[in-house]
Amino acid sequence: MHALADDGHEVDVVHCLDAFHLLHPGPPGQLLPGHPRVRVHGLRSGYGWLSPLLTHQTGRPMLKARRLRRILASHPYDVLHFHNISLLGPEVLAVRPAASTPVTLYTAHEHWLVCPTHVLWKHGRELCERPACVSCALRAGRPPQYWRYTSRLAKAGGRVDRFIALSRSSARVHADRGFPHAMEHLPCFVDRADEDWRRPGPRPQARPYFLFVGRLETIKGLQTLIAAWDRVPEFDLLVAGTGSQESSLRAQAADNPRIRFLGHRSSDELGALYVHALACVVPALTYETFGIIAIEAFMRKTPVIVRDIGALNEIVEESGGGLVYRSDDDLRQVIDRIARSPDLRRQLGERGYAAFERLWSREAHLPRYYALLRRTASDALGRVPWEE
């Protein structure tokens, strides 16, 4: 949104405070950095958790629709872009401003459109190959969503002019699981606040290391790295991030002094960690819709090692900036190849950075986004209103 605002556009952001407070009971503070062209609207019902619960069960923006319509009526919007709407419900896709006929987009940042738990991780223990949504939702501590067995999402989705997938892999996953609307591939971007690789901070330690960055959750696969690291005696593994599984992961790694947990790290601190790493390892166990961590590594000319699944494999194929593994034995061989060949690391890093500039930078993304908007407006409205 700041990229659009920096380009001169007015941007309104609408989010659900009731949903935010389900996991964050304290005051939200400033959810987004300020920008003179960005206005933030927080939807609050006054009924706390009841509002998102009703939305979760009915698929409607319960106790929030009136406020949402007032916001949409306040400006003649050209573009209405939906993102994570799980606790606003699919019927929010049918809400339209009275003052204009905007182009309508939806970007699938997760797999919520085809998965009640968003992540295609079945029963909390395995990749979802054959859906069992009711039992899986119950095991995850969520009530089943009966509206998913109706035509509600398909009908509301018919009001969207263009669905966007962040990777071709994600588009295929949605299609394979019966999502009824076509998706267009448009990857997101990583903003370069600085050029860390040009002026890196000091090394975090003298010993050579590989890096894991991400949430400490089962689906991110860190436990598989910890188990494999007993067979990697020459190099350390640095872990940046926090999450619900942090205690169990620390306990798993307690007997291995070559694994260091760093906790949360700021963007500047992460920059130095990426730059000095032999490679960044992304061992995710389920389908990612994109691969932000890999792109952050490429931005610092750092190679990546990724598990052969979904968007991660796709990013490596498109960039040539990393290596792919399928098993623990593969992982050990890939680690050894990268660690023992400075030329290979340099080659992978240069390829990754070139792909970042070509595909995943702000400068690459915005022209493609604007072209998509123009094409969508022309298809849906027969004209491009904001160019008239």
Protein backbone atom coordinates (compact mmCIF):
# COMPACT_ATOMS: atom_id res chain seq x y z
CA MET A 1 0.00 0.00 0.00
CA HIS A 2 2.90 2.36 0.70
CA ALA A 3 4.29 1.62 -2.75
CA LEU A 4 0.99 2.75 -4.26
CA ALA A 5 0.87 5.81 -2.01
CA ASP A 6 4.46 6.71 -2.87
CA ASP A 7 3.37 6.60 -6.51
CA GLY A 8 0.73 9.24 -5.83
CA HIS A 9 -2.37 7.14 -5.22
CA GLU A 10 -4.84 7.47 -2.35
CA VAL A 11 -5.16 4.20 -0.41
CA ASP A 12 -7.74 3.22 2.21
CA VAL A 13 -7.00 0.12 4.31
CA VAL A 14 -9.92 -1.64 6.02
CA HIS A 15 -9.25 -4.32 8.64
CA CYS A 16 -11.19 -6.04 11.43
CA LEU A 17 -10.15 -5.02 14.94
CA ASP A 18 -12.37 -7.70 16.49
CA ALA A 19 -10.41 -10.36 14.59
CA PHE A 20 -7.11 -8.76 15.63
CA HIS A 21 -8.13 -8.90 19.30
CA LEU A 22 -8.79 -12.65 19.13
CA LEU A 23 -5.02 -13.19 19.30
CA HIS A 24 -3.87 -9.81 20.59
CA PRO A 25 -5.97 -8.73 23.56
CA GLY A 26 -4.07 -5.50 24.14
CA PRO A 27 -4.45 -2.27 22.18
CA PRO A 28 -3.29 -2.58 18.56
CA GLY A 29 -1.08 0.48 18.60
CA GLN A 30 0.00 1.62 15.15
CA LEU A 31 -0.62 -1.43 12.96
CA LEU A 32 0.90 0.25 9.93
CA PRO A 33 3.57 2.93 9.57
CA GLY A 34 1.99 6.27 8.83
CA HIS A 35 1.76 7.68 5.31
CA PRO A 36 -0.03 10.90 4.28
CA ARG A 37 -1.91 9.13 1.46
CA VAL A 38 -2.90 6.02 3.44
CA ARG A 39 -6.02 6.02 5.64
CA VAL A 40 -6.58 3.07 7.99
CA HIS A 41 -10.10 2.07 9.06
CA GLY A 42 -10.52 -0.43 11.89
CA LEU A 43 -13.85 -2.28 12.00
CA ARG A 44 -15.06 -2.80 15.56
CA SER A 45 -18.46 -4.25 16.43
CA GLY A 46 -18.57 -3.66 20.18
CA TYR A 47 -19.27 -7.38 20.67
CA GLY A 48 -15.65 -8.52 20.71
CA TRP A 49 -15.02 -12.13 19.71
CA LEU A 50 -18.71 -12.73 18.89
CA SER A 51 -18.45 -10.82 15.63
CA PRO A 52 -15.62 -12.88 14.04
CA LEU A 53 -17.20 -16.07 15.40
CA LEU A 54 -20.50 -15.28 13.68
CA THR A 55 -18.63 -14.37 10.50
CA HIS A 56 -16.61 -17.60 10.66
CA GLN A 57 -19.82 -19.61 10.89
CA THR A 58 -22.08 -17.73 8.48
CA GLY A 59 -19.64 -16.44 5.87
CA ARG A 60 -21.10 -12.94 6.26
CA PRO A 61 -19.44 -9.78 7.67
CA MET A 62 -21.65 -9.96 10.76
CA LEU A 63 -21.97 -6.80 12.91
CA LYS A 64 -19.52 -5.01 10.59
CA ALA A 65 -21.35 -4.66 7.27
CA ARG A 66 -22.95 -1.28 8.01
CA ARG A 67 -19.66 0.36 8.97
CA LEU A 68 -17.98 -1.21 5.92
CA ARG A 69 -20.64 0.19 3.59
CA ARG A 70 -20.22 3.65 5.10
CA ILE A 71 -16.49 3.52 4.39
CA LEU A 72 -17.05 2.35 0.82
CA ALA A 73 -19.60 5.13 0.28
CA SER A 74 -17.16 7.80 1.41
CA HIS A 75 -15.07 7.89 -1.80
CA PRO A 76 -15.52 7.06 -5.51
CA TYR A 77 -12.97 4.22 -5.50
CA ASP A 78 -11.39 3.02 -8.74
CA VAL A 79 -10.03 -0.27 -7.35
CA LEU A 80 -11.29 -2.57 -4.60
CA HIS A 81 -8.59 -5.09 -3.70
CA PHE A 82 -9.38 -7.88 -1.21
CA HIS A 83 -6.62 -9.65 0.68
CA ASN A 84 -7.07 -11.81 3.82
CA ILE A 85 -10.85 -11.86 4.31
CA SER A 86 -11.26 -15.02 6.39
CA LEU A 87 -12.90 -13.17 9.32
CA LEU A 88 -14.89 -10.84 7.08
CA GLY A 89 -16.41 -13.81 5.24
CA PRO A 90 -16.85 -14.62 1.54
CA GLU A 91 -19.94 -12.44 1.22
CA VAL A 92 -17.79 -9.36 1.80
CA LEU A 93 -16.72 -9.93 -1.82
CA ALA A 94 -20.20 -8.86 -2.91
CA VAL A 95 -20.17 -5.57 -0.97
CA ARG A 96 -19.77 -2.63 -3.33
CA PRO A 97 -19.49 1.14 -2.91
CA ALA A 98 -22.50 3.12 -4.03
CA ALA A 99 -20.43 5.99 -5.38
CA SER A 100 -18.48 4.10 -8.07
CA THR A 101 -18.01 0.86 -9.99
CA PRO A 102 -14.50 -0.19 -9.05
CA VAL A 103 -12.31 -2.87 -10.56
CA THR A 104 -12.32 -5.72 -8.05
CA LEU A 105 -9.33 -7.96 -7.30
CA TYR A 106 -8.60 -10.69 -4.76
CA THR A 107 -5.07 -11.81 -3.88
CA ALA A 108 -4.76 -15.25 -2.28
CA HIS A 109 -2.01 -14.84 0.31
CA GLU A 110 -3.02 -18.16 1.90
CA HIS A 111 -5.07 -21.16 0.83
CA TRP A 112 -8.16 -20.09 2.79
CA LEU A 113 -10.30 -20.19 -0.35
CA VAL A 114 -9.90 -24.00 -0.40
CA CYS A 115 -8.83 -24.79 3.17
CA PRO A 116 -10.60 -23.88 6.46
CA THR A 117 -7.26 -23.87 8.30
CA HIS A 118 -5.57 -21.83 5.54
CA VAL A 119 -2.41 -23.98 5.27
CA LEU A 120 -3.36 -27.41 3.85
CA TRP A 121 -1.80 -29.19 6.84
CA LYS A 122 -4.09 -32.14 7.54
CA HIS A 123 -4.97 -33.02 11.13
CA GLY A 124 -1.95 -31.03 12.29
CA ARG A 125 0.49 -33.71 11.16
CA GLU A 126 0.76 -34.13 7.38
CA LEU A 127 0.44 -32.45 4.00
CA CYS A 128 -3.20 -32.45 2.89
CA GLU A 129 -3.45 -34.68 -0.16
CA ARG A 130 -7.05 -35.83 0.37
CA PRO A 131 -9.22 -33.28 2.18
CA ALA A 132 -11.08 -34.21 5.36
CA CYS A 133 -12.09 -30.68 6.29
CA VAL A 134 -14.59 -31.32 9.09
CA SER A 135 -12.36 -33.61 11.16
CA CYS A 136 -9.30 -31.48 10.38
CA ALA A 137 -11.02 -28.27 11.52
CA LEU A 138 -12.23 -29.94 14.73
CA ARG A 139 -8.74 -31.21 15.48
CA ALA A 140 -7.43 -27.67 14.94
CA GLY A 141 -9.94 -26.40 17.53
CA ARG A 142 -12.20 -24.66 15.01
CA PRO A 143 -15.90 -25.29 14.39
CA PRO A 144 -16.69 -26.55 10.87
CA GLN A 145 -17.86 -23.94 8.38
CA TYR A 146 -21.02 -25.32 6.84
CA TRP A 147 -21.23 -22.48 4.32
CA ARG A 148 -18.26 -24.12 2.58
CA TYR A 149 -20.63 -26.86 1.44
CA THR A 150 -22.94 -24.36 -0.24
CA SER A 151 -22.50 -22.16 -3.32
CA ARG A 152 -21.87 -19.04 -1.20
CA LEU A 153 -18.17 -18.65 -1.99
CA ALA A 154 -18.65 -19.43 -5.68
CA LYS A 155 -21.45 -16.86 -6.01
CA ALA A 156 -19.65 -14.13 -4.08
CA GLY A 157 -16.47 -14.86 -6.00
CA GLY A 158 -18.38 -14.23 -9.20
CA ARG A 159 -18.39 -10.54 -8.24
CA VAL A 160 -14.57 -10.43 -8.34
CA ASP A 161 -13.08 -9.35 -11.67
CA ARG A 162 -9.71 -11.02 -11.16
CA PHE A 163 -8.29 -13.53 -8.69
CA ILE A 164 -4.53 -13.34 -8.21
CA ALA A 165 -2.19 -16.16 -7.16
CA LEU A 166 1.27 -15.26 -5.90
CA SER A 167 2.77 -18.33 -7.58
CA ARG A 168 1.82 -20.70 -10.38
CA SER A 169 1.97 -23.47 -7.81
CA SER A 170 -0.71 -21.77 -5.69
CA ALA A 171 -2.93 -21.29 -8.75
CA ARG A 172 -2.63 -25.03 -9.51
CA VAL A 173 -3.42 -25.98 -5.90
CA HIS A 174 -6.61 -23.89 -5.98
CA ALA A 175 -7.68 -25.35 -9.32
CA ASP A 176 -6.91 -28.93 -8.25
CA ARG A 177 -9.10 -28.47 -5.15
CA GLY A 178 -12.07 -27.25 -7.07
CA PHE A 179 -11.91 -23.46 -6.72
CA PRO A 180 -14.33 -22.40 -9.47
CA HIS A 181 -12.69 -19.17 -10.63
CA ALA A 182 -9.56 -18.77 -12.73
CA MET A 183 -6.46 -17.27 -11.12
CA GLU A 184 -3.81 -15.08 -12.67
CA HIS A 185 -0.19 -15.29 -11.56
CA LEU A 186 1.23 -12.05 -10.16
CA PRO A 187 3.97 -12.45 -7.53
CA CYS A 188 4.33 -9.92 -4.74
CA PHE A 189 7.54 -8.05 -4.07
CA VAL A 190 10.01 -7.38 -1.30
CA ASP A 191 10.82 -3.73 -0.71
CA ARG A 192 14.48 -2.92 -0.35
CA ALA A 193 14.69 -0.50 2.53
CA ASP A 194 18.45 -0.69 2.22
CA GLU A 195 21.19 -2.56 0.38
CA ASP A 196 22.52 -4.72 3.21
CA TRP A 197 24.82 -6.75 1.01
CA ARG A 198 26.66 -3.58 -0.05
CA ARG A 199 27.42 -2.51 3.51
CA PRO A 200 26.78 -5.52 5.77
CA GLY A 201 26.96 -5.29 9.50
CA PRO A 202 29.45 -7.36 11.48
CA ARG A 203 29.37 -11.12 11.35
CA PRO A 204 27.14 -12.54 14.10
CA GLN A 205 29.82 -15.13 14.89
CA ALA A 206 33.17 -16.40 13.65
CA ARG A 207 32.06 -19.93 12.76
CA PRO A 208 30.42 -20.48 9.36
CA TYR A 209 26.67 -20.94 9.56
CA PHE A 210 23.46 -21.63 7.68
CA LEU A 211 20.36 -19.58 8.47
CA PHE A 212 16.70 -20.35 9.15
CA VAL A 213 14.28 -17.39 9.25
CA GLY A 214 10.58 -17.76 9.96
CA ARG A 215 7.80 -18.59 12.36
CA LEU A 216 8.56 -21.44 14.73
CA GLU A 217 5.58 -23.58 13.74
CA THR A 218 5.40 -27.22 12.70
CA ILE A 219 4.55 -26.45 9.08
CA LYS A 220 7.75 -24.42 8.66
CA GLY A 221 9.82 -27.56 9.11
CA LEU A 222 12.54 -26.39 11.51
CA GLN A 223 12.22 -29.65 13.47
CA THR A 224 13.42 -31.52 10.38
CA LEU A 225 16.50 -29.30 10.18
CA ILE A 226 17.28 -29.83 13.85
CA ALA A 227 17.03 -33.60 13.39
CA ALA A 228 19.30 -33.47 10.33
CA TRP A 229 21.88 -31.18 11.94
CA ASP A 230 23.42 -33.98 13.98
CA ARG A 231 24.94 -35.06 10.68
CA VAL A 232 26.28 -31.58 9.87
CA PRO A 233 29.16 -31.25 12.32
CA GLU A 234 31.15 -28.58 10.48
CA PHE A 235 28.62 -25.74 10.45
CA ASP A 236 26.24 -23.94 12.78
CA LEU A 237 22.54 -23.35 12.27
CA LEU A 238 21.23 -19.94 13.35
CA VAL A 239 17.47 -19.65 13.90
CA ALA A 240 15.76 -16.25 13.71
CA GLY A 241 12.10 -16.11 14.67
CA THR A 242 9.52 -16.94 17.31
CA GLY A 243 6.34 -18.98 17.41
CA SER A 244 4.13 -21.37 19.33
CA GLN A 245 6.56 -24.28 18.95
CA GLU A 246 9.63 -22.42 20.19
CA SER A 247 9.87 -24.23 23.53
CA SER A 248 9.64 -27.71 22.00
CA LEU A 249 12.11 -26.82 19.26
CA ARG A 250 14.60 -25.45 21.77
CA ALA A 251 14.23 -28.66 23.77
CA GLN A 252 14.80 -30.74 20.66
CA ALA A 253 18.00 -28.82 19.91
CA ALA A 254 19.25 -28.63 23.51
CA ASP A 255 21.99 -31.25 23.04
CA ASN A 256 23.40 -29.65 19.89
CA PRO A 257 25.59 -26.60 20.68
CA ARG A 258 25.83 -25.78 16.97
CA ILE A 259 22.18 -24.70 16.83
CA ARG A 260 21.54 -21.18 18.13
CA PHE A 261 18.11 -19.61 18.64
CA LEU A 262 18.21 -15.84 18.17
CA GLY A 263 14.56 -14.98 18.80
CA HIS A 264 12.93 -12.09 17.00
CA ARG A 265 15.28 -9.95 14.91
CA SER A 266 14.64 -6.54 13.34
CA SER A 267 14.93 -6.02 9.60
CA ASP A 268 18.39 -4.47 9.96
CA GLU A 269 19.59 -7.36 12.11
CA LEU A 270 18.19 -9.89 9.64
CA GLY A 271 20.07 -8.14 6.84
CA ALA A 272 23.43 -8.90 8.41
CA LEU A 273 22.36 -12.47 9.21
CA TYR A 274 21.43 -13.10 5.58
CA VAL A 275 24.56 -11.49 4.15
CA HIS A 276 27.03 -13.59 6.16
CA ALA A 277 25.17 -16.91 5.91
CA LEU A 278 26.49 -19.64 3.66
CA ALA A 279 22.86 -20.11 2.61
CA CYS A 280 19.33 -19.65 3.92
CA VAL A 281 17.44 -22.94 4.39
CA VAL A 282 13.66 -22.99 3.86
CA PRO A 283 12.40 -26.48 4.87
CA ALA A 284 8.62 -25.80 4.78
CA LEU A 285 6.49 -28.95 4.90
CA THR A 286 3.35 -27.70 3.19
CA TYR A 287 2.44 -25.56 0.20
CA GLU A 288 3.60 -21.96 0.47
CA THR A 289 1.70 -19.49 -1.69
CA PHE A 290 4.97 -17.59 -2.23
CA GLY A 291 8.40 -17.53 -0.58
CA ILE A 292 9.19 -14.20 1.04
CA ILE A 293 12.16 -15.59 2.98
CA ALA A 294 13.83 -16.80 -0.21
CA ILE A 295 13.34 -13.40 -1.85
CA GLU A 296 14.77 -11.62 1.21
CA ALA A 297 17.83 -13.85 0.89
CA PHE A 298 18.16 -13.13 -2.84
CA MET A 299 18.03 -9.40 -2.10
CA ARG A 300 21.27 -9.90 -0.09
CA LYS A 301 22.92 -12.17 -2.71
CA THR A 302 22.52 -15.14 -0.38
CA PRO A 303 21.73 -18.57 -1.91
CA VAL A 304 18.76 -20.57 -0.69
CA ILE A 305 18.17 -24.25 -0.02
CA VAL A 306 14.50 -25.20 -0.25
CA ARG A 307 12.42 -28.32 0.07
CA ASP A 308 10.97 -29.52 -3.22
CA ILE A 309 7.40 -28.39 -2.69
CA GLY A 310 5.15 -25.80 -4.25
CA ALA A 311 6.16 -22.19 -4.65
CA LEU A 312 9.61 -22.65 -3.10
CA ASN A 313 10.73 -24.98 -5.86
CA GLU A 314 9.17 -22.62 -8.40
CA ILE A 315 11.17 -19.65 -7.09
CA VAL A 316 14.44 -21.57 -7.33
CA GLU A 317 13.61 -22.72 -10.87
CA GLU A 318 12.77 -19.18 -11.97
CA SER A 319 15.85 -17.61 -10.39
CA GLY A 320 18.59 -20.21 -10.47
CA GLY A 321 19.49 -18.78 -7.07
CA GLY A 322 19.43 -21.92 -4.94
CA LEU A 323 19.31 -25.67 -4.66
CA VAL A 324 16.40 -28.03 -3.98
CA TYR A 325 16.31 -31.11 -1.77
CA ARG A 326 13.82 -33.93 -1.33
CA SER A 327 15.18 -35.93 1.62
CA ASP A 328 17.55 -35.57 4.56
CA ASP A 329 20.26 -37.27 2.52
CA ASP A 330 19.72 -34.75 -0.27
CA LEU A 331 19.90 -31.94 2.28
CA ARG A 332 23.27 -33.11 3.60
CA GLN A 333 24.70 -33.28 0.08
CA VAL A 334 23.33 -29.85 -0.86
CA ILE A 335 24.72 -28.27 2.32
CA ASP A 336 28.11 -29.81 1.59
CA ARG A 337 28.11 -28.55 -2.02
CA ILE A 338 27.32 -24.99 -1.04
CA ALA A 339 29.62 -24.86 1.98
CA ARG A 340 32.68 -26.13 0.10
CA SER A 341 32.36 -24.02 -3.05
CA PRO A 342 32.68 -20.24 -2.76
CA ASP A 343 32.30 -20.04 -6.54
CA LEU A 344 28.97 -21.86 -6.41
CA ARG A 345 27.74 -19.61 -3.59
CA ARG A 346 28.75 -16.52 -5.53
CA GLN A 347 27.10 -17.79 -8.71
CA LEU A 348 23.85 -18.67 -6.95
CA GLY A 349 23.85 -15.34 -5.10
CA GLU A 350 24.29 -13.33 -8.30
CA ARG A 351 21.51 -15.26 -10.04
CA GLY A 352 19.18 -14.79 -7.09
CA TYR A 353 19.85 -11.06 -6.95
CA ALA A 354 19.33 -10.65 -10.70
CA ALA A 355 15.99 -12.47 -10.41
CA PHE A 356 15.02 -10.30 -7.45
CA GLU A 357 15.56 -7.16 -9.52
CA ARG A 358 13.81 -8.63 -12.56
CA LEU A 359 10.83 -10.29 -10.87
CA TRP A 360 10.35 -9.46 -7.19
CA SER A 361 11.40 -5.84 -6.58
CA ARG A 362 9.01 -2.89 -6.26
CA GLU A 363 10.32 -1.53 -9.57
CA ALA A 364 9.44 -4.80 -11.31
CA HIS A 365 6.09 -5.31 -9.60
CA LEU A 366 4.29 -1.99 -9.97
CA PRO A 367 4.28 -1.80 -13.80
CA ARG A 368 2.86 -5.34 -13.94
CA TYR A 369 0.25 -4.50 -11.32
CA TYR A 370 -0.84 -1.36 -13.19
CA ALA A 371 -1.00 -3.30 -16.46
CA LEU A 372 -3.18 -5.91 -14.76
CA LEU A 373 -5.49 -3.18 -13.45
CA ARG A 374 -5.84 -1.61 -16.90
CA ARG A 375 -6.52 -4.97 -18.54
CA THR A 376 -9.03 -5.92 -15.87
CA ALA A 377 -10.86 -2.60 -16.17
CA SER A 378 -10.99 -2.93 -19.94
CA ASP A 379 -12.37 -6.47 -19.70
CA ALA A 380 -14.88 -5.74 -16.92
CA LEU A 381 -16.00 -2.19 -17.76
CA GLY A 382 -15.03 -1.72 -21.39
CA ARG A 383 -12.92 1.28 -20.38
CA VAL A 384 -10.23 2.40 -17.93
CA PRO A 385 -11.98 5.04 -15.78
CA TRP A 386 -8.91 6.52 -14.11
CA GLU A 387 -7.31 7.25 -17.51
CA GLU A 388 -10.31 9.16 -18.86
